[in-house]
Amino acid sequence: MPRTPTLRRLESITVAAEYADVSTRTLRRYIASGRLTAYRVGPRLIKVDLNDLDAMMRLVGGGAA
């Protein structure tokens, strides 16, 4: 069965930082270290995929009630 491609949700670093509740500096560090993929749009604009940002997030704690 063919896989349905996931649409990219590209946003600026500023918007992505607000979405993840982190600083833009943190996202730039993640990009520099290779933890997060960035996409250059034009000569200066850099965007990140919110799907990639979601995938980085992990549940913390046991979660058992």
PDB file of N, CA and C in Angstrom:
ATOM      1  N   MET A   1       0.843  -1.179   0.000  1.00  0.00           N
ATOM      2  CA  MET A   1       0.000   0.000   0.000  1.00  0.00           C
ATOM      3  C   MET A   1       0.893   1.250   0.000  1.00  0.00           C
ATOM      4  N   PRO A   2       0.709   2.155  -0.943  1.00  0.00           N
ATOM      5  CA  PRO A   2       1.545   3.359  -1.007  1.00  0.00           C
ATOM      6  C   PRO A   2       1.320   4.268   0.203  1.00  0.00           C
ATOM      7  N   ARG A   3       2.398   4.866   0.614  1.00  0.00           N
ATOM      8  CA  ARG A   3       2.350   5.786   1.744  1.00  0.00           C
ATOM      9  C   ARG A   3       1.902   7.161   1.301  1.00  0.00           C
ATOM     10  N   THR A   4       1.029   7.783   2.067  1.00  0.00           N
ATOM     11  CA  THR A   4       0.584   9.139   1.763  1.00  0.00           C
ATOM     12  C   THR A   4       1.648  10.120   2.236  1.00  0.00           C
ATOM     13  N   PRO A   5       2.134  10.977   1.356  1.00  0.00           N
ATOM     14  CA  PRO A   5       3.158  11.940   1.779  1.00  0.00           C
ATOM     15  C   PRO A   5       2.595  12.933   2.799  1.00  0.00           C
ATOM     16  N   THR A   6       3.412  13.247   3.783  1.00  0.00           N
ATOM     17  CA  THR A   6       3.033  14.229   4.793  1.00  0.00           C
ATOM     18  C   THR A   6       3.368  15.617   4.267  1.00  0.00           C
ATOM     19  N   LEU A   7       2.434  16.517   4.366  1.00  0.00           N
ATOM     20  CA  LEU A   7       2.677  17.888   3.924  1.00  0.00           C
ATOM     21  C   LEU A   7       3.591  18.602   4.901  1.00  0.00           C
ATOM     22  N   ARG A   8       4.518  19.352   4.366  1.00  0.00           N
ATOM     23  CA  ARG A   8       5.405  20.145   5.218  1.00  0.00           C
ATOM     24  C   ARG A   8       4.644  21.336   5.768  1.00  0.00           C
ATOM     25  N   ARG A   9       4.918  21.651   7.013  1.00  0.00           N
ATOM     26  CA  ARG A   9       4.344  22.834   7.657  1.00  0.00           C
ATOM     27  C   ARG A   9       5.501  23.795   7.935  1.00  0.00           C
ATOM     28  N   LEU A  10       5.986  24.463   6.894  1.00  0.00           N
ATOM     29  CA  LEU A  10       7.145  25.337   7.031  1.00  0.00           C
ATOM     30  C   LEU A  10       6.759  26.665   7.660  1.00  0.00           C
ATOM     31  N   GLU A  11       7.539  27.054   8.648  1.00  0.00           N
ATOM     32  CA  GLU A  11       7.355  28.335   9.333  1.00  0.00           C
ATOM     33  C   GLU A  11       8.720  28.957   9.585  1.00  0.00           C
ATOM     34  N   SER A  12       8.725  30.245   9.803  1.00  0.00           N
ATOM     35  CA  SER A  12       9.966  30.948  10.130  1.00  0.00           C
ATOM     36  C   SER A  12      10.465  30.473  11.488  1.00  0.00           C
ATOM     37  N   ILE A  13      11.721  30.745  11.747  1.00  0.00           N
ATOM     38  CA  ILE A  13      12.305  30.359  13.031  1.00  0.00           C
ATOM     39  C   ILE A  13      11.571  31.054  14.179  1.00  0.00           C
ATOM     40  N   THR A  14      11.170  32.293  13.982  1.00  0.00           N
ATOM     41  CA  THR A  14      10.461  33.033  15.030  1.00  0.00           C
ATOM     42  C   THR A  14       9.127  32.375  15.362  1.00  0.00           C
ATOM     43  N   VAL A  15       8.353  32.051  14.341  1.00  0.00           N
ATOM     44  CA  VAL A  15       7.043  31.420  14.555  1.00  0.00           C
ATOM     45  C   VAL A  15       7.228  30.027  15.157  1.00  0.00           C
ATOM     46  N   ALA A  16       8.212  29.271  14.669  1.00  0.00           N
ATOM     47  CA  ALA A  16       8.460  27.928  15.190  1.00  0.00           C
ATOM     48  C   ALA A  16       8.893  27.977  16.657  1.00  0.00           C
ATOM     49  N   ALA A  17       9.676  28.975  17.020  1.00  0.00           N
ATOM     50  CA  ALA A  17      10.104  29.116  18.417  1.00  0.00           C
ATOM     51  C   ALA A  17       8.907  29.415  19.311  1.00  0.00           C
ATOM     52  N   GLU A  18       8.010  30.271  18.860  1.00  0.00           N
ATOM     53  CA  GLU A  18       6.794  30.553  19.619  1.00  0.00           C
ATOM     54  C   GLU A  18       5.937  29.304  19.746  1.00  0.00           C
ATOM     55  N   TYR A  19       5.829  28.543  18.672  1.00  0.00           N
ATOM     56  CA  TYR A  19       5.037  27.309  18.653  1.00  0.00           C
ATOM     57  C   TYR A  19       5.561  26.303  19.686  1.00  0.00           C
ATOM     58  N   ALA A  20       6.891  26.172  19.772  1.00  0.00           N
ATOM     59  CA  ALA A  20       7.508  25.205  20.686  1.00  0.00           C
ATOM     60  C   ALA A  20       7.798  25.793  22.058  1.00  0.00           C
ATOM     61  N   ASP A  21       7.528  27.078  22.233  1.00  0.00           N
ATOM     62  CA  ASP A  21       7.791  27.779  23.487  1.00  0.00           C
ATOM     63  C   ASP A  21       9.268  27.703  23.892  1.00  0.00           C
ATOM     64  N   VAL A  22      10.128  27.949  22.895  1.00  0.00           N
ATOM     65  CA  VAL A  22      11.570  28.027  23.126  1.00  0.00           C
ATOM     66  C   VAL A  22      12.075  29.296  22.456  1.00  0.00           C
ATOM     67  N   SER A  23      13.332  29.616  22.685  1.00  0.00           N
ATOM     68  CA  SER A  23      13.889  30.816  22.055  1.00  0.00           C
ATOM     69  C   SER A  23      14.359  30.510  20.635  1.00  0.00           C
ATOM     70  N   THR A  24      14.477  31.550  19.833  1.00  0.00           N
ATOM     71  CA  THR A  24      14.994  31.383  18.486  1.00  0.00           C
ATOM     72  C   THR A  24      16.440  30.894  18.539  1.00  0.00           C
ATOM     73  N   ARG A  25      17.137  31.307  19.555  1.00  0.00           N
ATOM     74  CA  ARG A  25      18.532  30.878  19.732  1.00  0.00           C
ATOM     75  C   ARG A  25      18.613  29.366  19.931  1.00  0.00           C
ATOM     76  N   THR A  26      17.661  28.808  20.681  1.00  0.00           N
ATOM     77  CA  THR A  26      17.616  27.361  20.897  1.00  0.00           C
ATOM     78  C   THR A  26      17.403  26.646  19.567  1.00  0.00           C
ATOM     79  N   LEU A  27      16.460  27.127  18.757  1.00  0.00           N
ATOM     80  CA  LEU A  27      16.210  26.494  17.466  1.00  0.00           C
ATOM     81  C   LEU A  27      17.433  26.598  16.564  1.00  0.00           C
ATOM     82  N   ARG A  28      18.101  27.740  16.585  1.00  0.00           N
ATOM     83  CA  ARG A  28      19.306  27.887  15.763  1.00  0.00           C
ATOM     84  C   ARG A  28      20.397  26.917  16.216  1.00  0.00           C
ATOM     85  N   ARG A  29      20.495  26.660  17.521  1.00  0.00           N
ATOM     86  CA  ARG A  29      21.447  25.673  18.041  1.00  0.00           C
ATOM     87  C   ARG A  29      21.083  24.269  17.564  1.00  0.00           C
ATOM     88  N   TYR A  30      19.791  23.941  17.602  1.00  0.00           N
ATOM     89  CA  TYR A  30      19.331  22.632  17.123  1.00  0.00           C
ATOM     90  C   TYR A  30      19.676  22.456  15.645  1.00  0.00           C
ATOM     91  N   ILE A  31      19.494  23.510  14.859  1.00  0.00           N
ATOM     92  CA  ILE A  31      19.801  23.450  13.430  1.00  0.00           C
ATOM     93  C   ILE A  31      21.305  23.264  13.228  1.00  0.00           C
ATOM     94  N   ALA A  32      22.110  24.034  13.937  1.00  0.00           N
ATOM     95  CA  ALA A  32      23.566  23.958  13.796  1.00  0.00           C
ATOM     96  C   ALA A  32      24.110  22.585  14.187  1.00  0.00           C
ATOM     97  N   SER A  33      23.480  21.954  15.196  1.00  0.00           N
ATOM     98  CA  SER A  33      23.959  20.646  15.666  1.00  0.00           C
ATOM     99  C   SER A  33      23.399  19.488  14.843  1.00  0.00           C
ATOM    100  N   GLY A  34      22.445  19.774  13.950  1.00  0.00           N
ATOM    101  CA  GLY A  34      21.863  18.725  13.132  1.00  0.00           C
ATOM    102  C   GLY A  34      20.641  18.053  13.738  1.00  0.00           C
ATOM    103  N   ARG A  35      20.195  18.510  14.901  1.00  0.00           N
ATOM    104  CA  ARG A  35      19.005  17.934  15.541  1.00  0.00           C
ATOM    105  C   ARG A  35      17.726  18.313  14.809  1.00  0.00           C
ATOM    106  N   LEU A  36      17.744  19.432  14.108  1.00  0.00           N
ATOM    107  CA  LEU A  36      16.562  19.933  13.416  1.00  0.00           C
ATOM    108  C   LEU A  36      16.957  20.345  11.998  1.00  0.00           C
ATOM    109  N   THR A  37      16.168  19.912  11.027  1.00  0.00           N
ATOM    110  CA  THR A  37      16.427  20.265   9.631  1.00  0.00           C
ATOM    111  C   THR A  37      15.831  21.634   9.334  1.00  0.00           C
ATOM    112  N   ALA A  38      16.589  22.441   8.612  1.00  0.00           N
ATOM    113  CA  ALA A  38      16.126  23.769   8.210  1.00  0.00           C
ATOM    114  C   ALA A  38      16.116  23.843   6.696  1.00  0.00           C
ATOM    115  N   TYR A  39      15.270  24.705   6.180  1.00  0.00           N
ATOM    116  CA  TYR A  39      15.129  24.888   4.735  1.00  0.00           C
ATOM    117  C   TYR A  39      15.367  26.352   4.412  1.00  0.00           C
ATOM    118  N   ARG A  40      16.295  26.601   3.486  1.00  0.00           N
ATOM    119  CA  ARG A  40      16.562  27.972   3.069  1.00  0.00           C
ATOM    120  C   ARG A  40      15.584  28.335   1.960  1.00  0.00           C
ATOM    121  N   VAL A  41      14.893  29.443   2.146  1.00  0.00           N
ATOM    122  CA  VAL A  41      13.938  29.945   1.167  1.00  0.00           C
ATOM    123  C   VAL A  41      14.450  31.312   0.734  1.00  0.00           C
ATOM    124  N   GLY A  42      15.080  31.352  -0.405  1.00  0.00           N
ATOM    125  CA  GLY A  42      15.690  32.597  -0.842  1.00  0.00           C
ATOM    126  C   GLY A  42      17.061  32.760  -0.225  1.00  0.00           C
ATOM    127  N   PRO A  43      17.668  33.916  -0.421  1.00  0.00           N
ATOM    128  CA  PRO A  43      19.048  34.102   0.041  1.00  0.00           C
ATOM    129  C   PRO A  43      19.210  34.215   1.561  1.00  0.00           C
ATOM    130  N   ARG A  44      18.149  34.627   2.283  1.00  0.00           N
ATOM    131  CA  ARG A  44      18.311  34.854   3.727  1.00  0.00           C
ATOM    132  C   ARG A  44      17.323  34.114   4.606  1.00  0.00           C
ATOM    133  N   LEU A  45      16.142  33.878   4.109  1.00  0.00           N
ATOM    134  CA  LEU A  45      15.073  33.321   4.925  1.00  0.00           C
ATOM    135  C   LEU A  45      15.271  31.830   5.181  1.00  0.00           C
ATOM    136  N   ILE A  46      15.196  31.439   6.452  1.00  0.00           N
ATOM    137  CA  ILE A  46      15.317  30.043   6.855  1.00  0.00           C
ATOM    138  C   ILE A  46      14.007  29.634   7.518  1.00  0.00           C
ATOM    139  N   LYS A  47      13.505  28.462   7.135  1.00  0.00           N
ATOM    140  CA  LYS A  47      12.265  27.958   7.712  1.00  0.00           C
ATOM    141  C   LYS A  47      12.490  26.563   8.266  1.00  0.00           C
ATOM    142  N   VAL A  48      11.658  26.178   9.215  1.00  0.00           N
ATOM    143  CA  VAL A  48      11.698  24.829   9.770  1.00  0.00           C
ATOM    144  C   VAL A  48      10.318  24.204   9.618  1.00  0.00           C
ATOM    145  N   ASP A  49      10.289  22.885   9.570  1.00  0.00           N
ATOM    146  CA  ASP A  49       9.045  22.150   9.438  1.00  0.00           C
ATOM    147  C   ASP A  49       8.508  21.864  10.837  1.00  0.00           C
ATOM    148  N   LEU A  50       7.298  22.317  11.121  1.00  0.00           N
ATOM    149  CA  LEU A  50       6.710  22.086  12.440  1.00  0.00           C
ATOM    150  C   LEU A  50       6.519  20.599  12.707  1.00  0.00           C
ATOM    151  N   ASN A  51       6.376  19.789  11.653  1.00  0.00           N
ATOM    152  CA  ASN A  51       6.282  18.338  11.842  1.00  0.00           C
ATOM    153  C   ASN A  51       7.582  17.793  12.427  1.00  0.00           C
ATOM    154  N   ASP A  52       8.732  18.304  11.957  1.00  0.00           N
ATOM    155  CA  ASP A  52      10.025  17.890  12.502  1.00  0.00           C
ATOM    156  C   ASP A  52      10.158  18.326  13.955  1.00  0.00           C
ATOM    157  N   LEU A  53       9.664  19.496  14.264  1.00  0.00           N
ATOM    158  CA  LEU A  53       9.703  20.005  15.632  1.00  0.00           C
ATOM    159  C   LEU A  53       8.829  19.140  16.539  1.00  0.00           C
ATOM    160  N   ASP A  54       7.644  18.775  16.067  1.00  0.00           N
ATOM    161  CA  ASP A  54       6.774  17.881  16.832  1.00  0.00           C
ATOM    162  C   ASP A  54       7.452  16.533  17.084  1.00  0.00           C
ATOM    163  N   ALA A  55       8.154  16.023  16.073  1.00  0.00           N
ATOM    164  CA  ALA A  55       8.808  14.725  16.190  1.00  0.00           C
ATOM    165  C   ALA A  55       9.940  14.745  17.219  1.00  0.00           C
ATOM    166  N   MET A  56      10.535  15.908  17.455  1.00  0.00           N
ATOM    167  CA  MET A  56      11.612  16.023  18.448  1.00  0.00           C
ATOM    168  C   MET A  56      11.098  15.933  19.879  1.00  0.00           C
ATOM    169  N   MET A  57       9.855  16.309  20.073  1.00  0.00           N
ATOM    170  CA  MET A  57       9.294  16.360  21.419  1.00  0.00           C
ATOM    171  C   MET A  57       9.031  14.948  21.936  1.00  0.00           C
ATOM    172  N   ARG A  58       9.352  14.731  23.231  1.00  0.00           N
ATOM    173  CA  ARG A  58       9.153  13.420  23.840  1.00  0.00           C
ATOM    174  C   ARG A  58       8.392  13.578  25.134  1.00  0.00           C
ATOM    175  N   LEU A  59       7.602  12.579  25.450  1.00  0.00           N
ATOM    176  CA  LEU A  59       6.857  12.540  26.702  1.00  0.00           C
ATOM    177  C   LEU A  59       7.844  12.371  27.852  1.00  0.00           C
ATOM    178  N   VAL A  60       7.663  13.159  28.902  1.00  0.00           N
ATOM    179  CA  VAL A  60       8.520  13.070  30.069  1.00  0.00           C
ATOM    180  C   VAL A  60       7.680  12.573  31.235  1.00  0.00           C
ATOM    181  N   GLY A  61       8.180  11.594  31.954  1.00  0.00           N
ATOM    182  CA  GLY A  61       7.436  11.052  33.099  1.00  0.00           C
ATOM    183  C   GLY A  61       6.764   9.748  32.761  1.00  0.00           C
ATOM    184  N   GLY A  62       6.240   9.090  33.777  1.00  0.00           N
ATOM    185  CA  GLY A  62       5.624   7.784  33.600  1.00  0.00           C
ATOM    186  C   GLY A  62       4.287   7.814  32.933  1.00  0.00           C
ATOM    187  N   GLY A  63       3.483   8.817  33.236  1.00  0.00           N
ATOM    188  CA  GLY A  63       2.173   8.920  32.624  1.00  0.00           C
ATOM    189  C   GLY A  63       1.135   8.008  33.244  1.00  0.00           C
ATOM    190  N   ALA A  64       1.545   7.129  34.172  1.00  0.00           N
ATOM    191  CA  ALA A  64       0.586   6.224  34.826  1.00  0.00           C
ATOM    192  C   ALA A  64      -0.126   6.950  35.954  1.00  0.00           C
ATOM    193  N   ALA A  65      -1.424   6.757  36.026  1.00  0.00           N
ATOM    194  CA  ALA A  65      -2.206   7.431  37.058  1.00  0.00           C
ATOM    195  C   ALA A  65      -2.365   6.576  38.277  1.00  0.00           C
TER     196      ALA A  65
END
